[in-house]
């Protein structure tokens, strides 16, 4: 029987950056407020967690953010320093009153060991919330699998894991900075909430998928980011972050499908609902056919 170990490390960063949307439609960093990093819930590899936090602190500092210690504030408020996401969000009102507006970035570390194949899979991910407990976005780094030598001890694991964690933490921090600073493409002069749609494309060929995703990323107003992409033929799934409404997305997707040679009514089924977008190309067998003589044949 396969023996697996799963280790979770949660940490959060409170990113105190005031975000405003200008009339030209660009999100800008208005005030560089302090950034607070907290160790996560107890994990099997505290060394790995510390390395990830140190790298993220360095990367966020280089991006112009002030990284400061939050432990005194948490102790003053009587909150545990275990980084439990649910517990932190439950106290969001208290923390916001004490620390001001900003963002919580919860970072999750997954480690999956499979002795039967002598491999170790690891991954960093982040979920971003406002300090008022409003969900903003999530971001996941690609999972990496490391092959382990025989009789690899904890010291051996650290030597293999730490360089990869450093690289993933740096990449994750960079992605978060870009996500928060990325231009929206449209604006009414006020901040607009970011919506996340779970997109699924089914039975489109690879060229059609690439063309459609390219249009959604580079030409749709309000685009923020694409995350959690996963492809398994004939399906492509990803999370699409945008400030655009579902009605606008429906209209733009119909235009885009026609642009790449797909008739949205006869060649494909397009469904756009709050939080979900599905685009399924009809197979030949699914063709709707002609209307026929409905008077004679009914």
Protein backbone atom coordinates (compact mmCIF):
# COMPACT_ATOMS: atom_id res chain seq x y z
CA UNK A 1 0.00 0.00 0.00
CA UNK A 2 1.31 3.46 -0.90
CA UNK A 3 2.34 5.51 2.09
CA UNK A 4 1.83 9.23 1.72
CA UNK A 5 2.54 12.10 3.99
CA UNK A 6 0.92 15.46 3.48
CA UNK A 7 2.23 18.46 5.27
CA UNK A 8 0.50 21.79 5.21
CA UNK A 9 2.07 25.09 6.08
CA UNK A 10 -0.09 28.15 6.23
CA UNK A 11 1.28 31.63 6.57
CA UNK A 12 -0.13 34.99 5.77
CA UNK A 13 1.22 38.28 4.73
CA UNK A 14 -0.74 41.43 5.38
CA UNK A 15 0.05 43.70 2.49
CA UNK A 16 -0.64 47.29 3.48
CA UNK A 17 -0.84 48.88 0.07
CA UNK A 18 -3.63 51.28 -0.76
CA UNK A 19 -4.90 50.53 -4.28
CA UNK A 20 -6.72 53.14 -6.34
CA UNK A 21 -8.04 53.04 -9.89
CA UNK A 22 -7.29 56.14 -11.93
CA UNK A 23 -9.48 57.59 -14.64
CA UNK A 24 -7.17 56.12 -17.28
CA UNK A 25 -7.95 52.65 -16.01
CA UNK A 26 -4.72 51.70 -14.25
CA UNK A 27 -4.33 50.37 -10.73
CA UNK A 28 -1.51 52.18 -8.96
CA UNK A 29 0.19 51.85 -5.63
CA UNK A 30 -0.89 54.94 -3.71
CA UNK A 31 0.74 54.43 -0.32
CA UNK A 32 3.52 51.99 0.56
CA UNK A 33 2.33 50.81 3.97
CA UNK A 34 3.97 48.08 6.08
CA UNK A 35 3.90 44.43 5.08
CA UNK A 36 3.56 41.87 7.88
CA UNK A 37 4.65 38.22 7.59
CA UNK A 38 3.47 35.61 10.06
CA UNK A 39 4.69 32.05 10.51
CA UNK A 40 1.99 29.54 9.61
CA UNK A 41 0.40 26.76 11.60
CA UNK A 42 2.82 24.19 13.01
CA UNK A 43 4.40 22.24 10.15
CA UNK A 44 6.69 19.24 9.95
CA UNK A 45 9.43 21.34 8.41
CA UNK A 46 9.72 24.62 10.27
CA UNK A 47 12.97 25.30 8.45
CA UNK A 48 11.18 25.19 5.09
CA UNK A 49 8.53 27.58 6.36
CA UNK A 50 11.10 30.05 7.64
CA UNK A 51 12.99 29.98 4.33
CA UNK A 52 9.77 30.69 2.39
CA UNK A 53 8.92 33.64 4.68
CA UNK A 54 12.43 35.06 4.49
CA UNK A 55 12.48 34.91 0.69
CA UNK A 56 9.03 36.48 0.42
CA UNK A 57 10.03 39.24 2.84
CA UNK A 58 13.08 40.01 0.71
CA UNK A 59 11.15 39.93 -2.57
CA UNK A 60 8.33 42.15 -1.30
CA UNK A 61 10.85 44.59 0.16
CA UNK A 62 12.58 44.83 -3.22
CA UNK A 63 9.18 45.66 -4.73
CA UNK A 64 9.06 48.74 -2.51
CA UNK A 65 7.01 47.41 0.40
CA UNK A 66 8.03 47.86 4.04
CA UNK A 67 8.27 44.49 5.79
CA UNK A 68 7.79 44.69 9.55
CA UNK A 69 7.25 42.29 12.44
CA UNK A 70 3.60 41.78 13.37
CA UNK A 71 4.12 39.52 16.39
CA UNK A 72 3.86 42.37 18.95
CA UNK A 73 0.51 43.47 17.51
CA UNK A 74 -0.86 39.95 17.49
CA UNK A 75 0.25 39.37 21.08
CA UNK A 76 -1.20 42.71 22.11
CA UNK A 77 -4.57 41.69 20.64
CA UNK A 78 -4.34 38.24 22.21
CA UNK A 79 -4.36 36.34 18.89
CA UNK A 80 -2.51 33.07 18.41
CA UNK A 81 0.53 33.12 16.17
CA UNK A 82 -0.41 29.95 14.29
CA UNK A 83 -1.55 31.67 11.08
CA UNK A 84 -4.88 29.82 10.95
CA UNK A 85 -6.71 31.43 8.03
CA UNK A 86 -10.25 30.96 9.35
CA UNK A 87 -9.28 32.35 12.76
CA UNK A 88 -7.54 35.36 11.23
CA UNK A 89 -10.43 36.20 8.90
CA UNK A 90 -12.88 35.84 11.80
CA UNK A 91 -10.98 38.68 13.51
CA UNK A 92 -10.67 40.80 10.35
CA UNK A 93 -12.66 43.71 11.79
CA UNK A 94 -10.41 43.92 14.84
CA UNK A 95 -7.23 43.66 12.78
CA UNK A 96 -8.42 46.24 10.26
CA UNK A 97 -9.28 48.67 13.05
CA UNK A 98 -5.80 48.18 14.54
CA UNK A 99 -3.74 48.02 11.34
CA UNK A 100 -5.80 49.82 8.69
CA UNK A 101 -6.81 48.75 5.18
CA UNK A 102 -4.75 46.34 3.15
CA UNK A 103 -4.60 42.73 2.09
CA UNK A 104 -4.17 39.35 3.75
CA UNK A 105 -2.16 36.92 1.64
CA UNK A 106 -2.44 33.37 2.94
CA UNK A 107 0.37 31.17 1.69
CA UNK A 108 -0.05 27.40 1.65
CA UNK A 109 2.81 24.92 1.37
CA UNK A 110 1.98 21.36 0.32
CA UNK A 111 4.48 18.54 0.60
CA UNK A 112 3.55 15.07 -0.62
CA UNK A 113 6.03 12.24 -0.10
CA UNK A 114 5.63 8.94 -1.95
CA UNK A 115 8.15 6.37 -0.71
CA UNK A 116 7.05 3.84 -3.33
CA UNK A 117 8.43 6.04 -6.11
CA UNK A 118 11.05 7.76 -3.94
CA UNK A 119 9.70 11.16 -4.87
CA UNK A 120 8.64 14.35 -3.10
CA UNK A 121 6.11 16.77 -4.62
CA UNK A 122 5.94 20.32 -3.28
CA UNK A 123 4.00 23.45 -4.09
CA UNK A 124 3.37 26.99 -2.84
CA UNK A 125 0.04 28.77 -3.26
CA UNK A 126 -1.53 31.98 -2.01
CA UNK A 127 -5.02 33.32 -1.40
CA UNK A 128 -5.48 37.07 -1.18
CA UNK A 129 -8.12 38.75 0.97
CA UNK A 130 -8.70 42.35 1.96
CA UNK A 131 -8.38 43.11 5.66
CA UNK A 132 -12.17 43.47 5.66
CA UNK A 133 -12.41 39.76 4.73
CA UNK A 134 -13.16 40.26 1.03
CA UNK A 135 -11.76 37.60 -1.30
CA UNK A 136 -9.56 39.08 -4.05
CA UNK A 137 -7.70 36.30 -5.86
CA UNK A 138 -5.68 33.11 -5.55
CA UNK A 139 -2.40 32.09 -7.12
CA UNK A 140 -0.72 28.70 -7.35
CA UNK A 141 2.85 27.94 -8.29
CA UNK A 142 3.38 24.86 -10.50
CA UNK A 143 3.99 21.73 -8.46
CA UNK A 144 7.51 20.31 -8.56
CA UNK A 145 8.49 16.67 -8.01
CA UNK A 146 11.93 15.79 -6.70
CA UNK A 147 13.47 12.34 -6.87
CA UNK A 148 14.96 11.29 -3.54
CA UNK A 149 18.16 9.30 -3.01
CA UNK A 150 18.16 6.17 -0.88
CA UNK A 151 17.87 6.70 2.89
CA UNK A 152 17.31 10.46 2.52
CA UNK A 153 17.21 12.01 6.01
CA UNK A 154 15.59 15.30 7.03
CA UNK A 155 18.91 17.05 6.44
CA UNK A 156 19.06 15.43 3.02
CA UNK A 157 15.49 16.57 2.29
CA UNK A 158 16.26 20.12 3.32
CA UNK A 159 19.22 20.24 0.94
CA UNK A 160 16.93 19.21 -1.90
CA UNK A 161 13.83 21.14 -0.92
CA UNK A 162 15.17 24.51 0.25
CA UNK A 163 16.56 25.68 -3.12
CA UNK A 164 13.25 24.81 -4.78
CA UNK A 165 11.26 26.55 -2.04
CA UNK A 166 13.43 29.65 -2.44
CA UNK A 167 12.69 29.71 -6.18
CA UNK A 168 8.95 29.14 -5.68
CA UNK A 169 8.69 31.76 -2.92
CA UNK A 170 10.46 34.31 -5.11
CA UNK A 171 8.20 33.51 -8.06
CA UNK A 172 5.07 33.58 -5.89
CA UNK A 173 5.97 36.97 -4.44
CA UNK A 174 6.70 38.37 -7.89
CA UNK A 175 3.34 37.10 -9.18
CA UNK A 176 1.51 38.67 -6.24
CA UNK A 177 3.17 42.04 -6.82
CA UNK A 178 2.30 41.94 -10.53
CA UNK A 179 -1.26 40.83 -9.78
CA UNK A 180 -1.88 43.77 -7.45
CA UNK A 181 -0.24 46.32 -9.75
CA UNK A 182 -1.52 45.06 -13.13
CA UNK A 183 -3.58 47.54 -15.20
CA UNK A 184 -7.28 46.74 -15.39
CA UNK A 185 -7.94 48.04 -18.91
CA UNK A 186 -11.12 49.92 -17.92
CA UNK A 187 -12.32 52.24 -15.21
CA UNK A 188 -15.15 54.49 -14.17
CA UNK A 189 -12.79 56.47 -11.93
CA UNK A 190 -13.53 54.33 -8.88
CA UNK A 191 -12.19 51.03 -7.60
CA UNK A 192 -14.08 48.07 -9.11
CA UNK A 193 -14.39 44.67 -7.38
CA UNK A 194 -12.49 41.81 -8.99
CA UNK A 195 -14.60 38.85 -10.09
CA UNK A 196 -13.22 35.32 -10.54
CA UNK A 197 -14.75 33.04 -13.17
CA UNK A 198 -13.99 29.33 -13.43
CA UNK A 199 -13.54 28.86 -17.18
CA UNK A 200 -13.81 25.52 -18.97
CA UNK A 201 -13.19 25.06 -22.71
CA UNK A 202 -14.27 21.69 -24.10
CA UNK A 203 -13.53 20.10 -27.50
CA UNK A 204 -11.88 23.18 -29.01
CA UNK A 205 -8.63 22.39 -30.81
CA UNK A 206 -5.35 23.71 -29.39
CA UNK A 207 -5.11 26.62 -31.84
CA UNK A 208 -8.65 27.75 -31.06
CA UNK A 209 -7.97 27.59 -27.32
CA UNK A 210 -4.75 29.58 -27.67
CA UNK A 211 -6.41 32.25 -29.82
CA UNK A 212 -9.37 32.60 -27.47
CA UNK A 213 -7.24 32.78 -24.32
CA UNK A 214 -4.99 35.34 -26.03
CA UNK A 215 -8.00 37.56 -26.79
CA UNK A 216 -9.32 37.21 -23.23
CA UNK A 217 -5.93 38.11 -21.77
CA UNK A 218 -4.79 40.92 -24.07
CA UNK A 219 -7.94 42.52 -25.48
CA UNK A 220 -10.76 42.14 -22.95
CA UNK A 221 -11.09 45.30 -20.79
CA UNK A 222 -10.87 44.66 -17.06
CA UNK A 223 -8.53 41.66 -17.31
CA UNK A 224 -6.50 41.04 -14.13
CA UNK A 225 -4.97 37.57 -14.27
CA UNK A 226 -5.31 33.92 -15.29
CA UNK A 227 -4.48 31.41 -12.56
CA UNK A 228 -4.81 27.70 -11.77
CA UNK A 229 -4.63 26.64 -15.40
CA UNK A 230 -4.98 22.91 -16.06
CA UNK A 231 -5.17 21.15 -19.42
CA UNK A 232 -6.25 17.61 -20.11
CA UNK A 233 -7.37 17.01 -23.68
CA UNK A 234 -10.00 17.87 -24.77
CA UNK A 235 -10.51 20.24 -21.83
CA UNK A 236 -8.82 23.42 -20.62
CA UNK A 237 -9.67 24.87 -17.23
CA UNK A 238 -8.48 28.07 -15.53
CA UNK A 239 -9.58 30.87 -13.20
CA UNK A 240 -10.15 34.18 -14.95
CA UNK A 241 -9.81 37.33 -12.82
CA UNK A 242 -11.54 40.44 -14.17
CA UNK A 243 -13.52 43.54 -13.26
CA UNK A 244 -15.87 42.96 -16.22
CA UNK A 245 -19.48 41.87 -15.72
CA UNK A 246 -20.82 38.52 -16.87
CA UNK A 247 -22.98 40.27 -19.49
CA UNK A 248 -19.94 42.02 -20.97
CA UNK A 249 -17.96 38.78 -21.00
CA UNK A 250 -20.81 37.00 -22.76
CA UNK A 251 -20.92 39.68 -25.47
CA UNK A 252 -17.12 39.74 -25.91
CA UNK A 253 -16.84 35.95 -26.02
CA UNK A 254 -19.50 35.74 -28.76
CA UNK A 255 -17.53 38.28 -30.81
CA UNK A 256 -14.26 36.45 -30.14
CA UNK A 257 -15.66 33.05 -31.10
CA UNK A 258 -16.85 34.48 -34.41
CA UNK A 259 -13.43 36.07 -34.90
CA UNK A 260 -11.67 32.69 -34.65
CA UNK A 261 -14.17 31.01 -36.94
CA UNK A 262 -16.64 29.50 -34.44
CA UNK A 263 -20.32 30.43 -34.68
CA UNK A 264 -21.46 30.73 -31.06
CA UNK A 265 -24.96 29.40 -31.78
CA UNK A 266 -24.41 26.65 -34.34
CA UNK A 267 -20.80 25.55 -33.69
CA UNK A 268 -20.50 25.86 -29.92
CA UNK A 269 -22.44 26.23 -26.71
CA UNK A 270 -21.48 29.33 -24.70
CA UNK A 271 -22.65 29.62 -21.11
CA UNK A 272 -21.68 32.65 -18.98
CA UNK A 273 -22.99 32.79 -15.42
CA UNK A 274 -21.79 34.44 -12.24
CA UNK A 275 -18.52 32.71 -11.42
CA UNK A 276 -18.61 30.25 -14.33
CA UNK A 277 -17.89 30.27 -18.09
CA UNK A 278 -18.28 27.17 -20.26
CA UNK A 279 -17.46 26.97 -23.97
CA UNK A 280 -18.18 23.60 -25.60
CA UNK A 281 -17.72 22.94 -29.30
CA UNK A 282 -20.43 20.75 -30.81
CA UNK A 283 -19.35 17.42 -32.26
CA UNK A 284 -20.70 16.52 -35.67
CA UNK A 285 -23.09 14.09 -34.04
CA UNK A 286 -24.36 16.94 -31.86
CA UNK A 287 -25.18 19.16 -34.86
CA UNK A 288 -28.58 20.73 -34.48
CA UNK A 289 -29.43 20.07 -38.15
CA UNK A 290 -32.06 21.89 -40.19
CA UNK A 291 -35.34 23.10 -38.78
CA UNK A 292 -37.26 20.85 -41.19
CA UNK A 293 -40.95 20.94 -41.96
CA UNK A 294 -42.45 21.27 -38.50
CA UNK A 295 -45.97 21.50 -39.94
CA UNK A 296 -45.75 18.12 -41.66
CA UNK A 297 -43.46 16.51 -39.10
CA UNK A 298 -44.26 17.58 -35.59
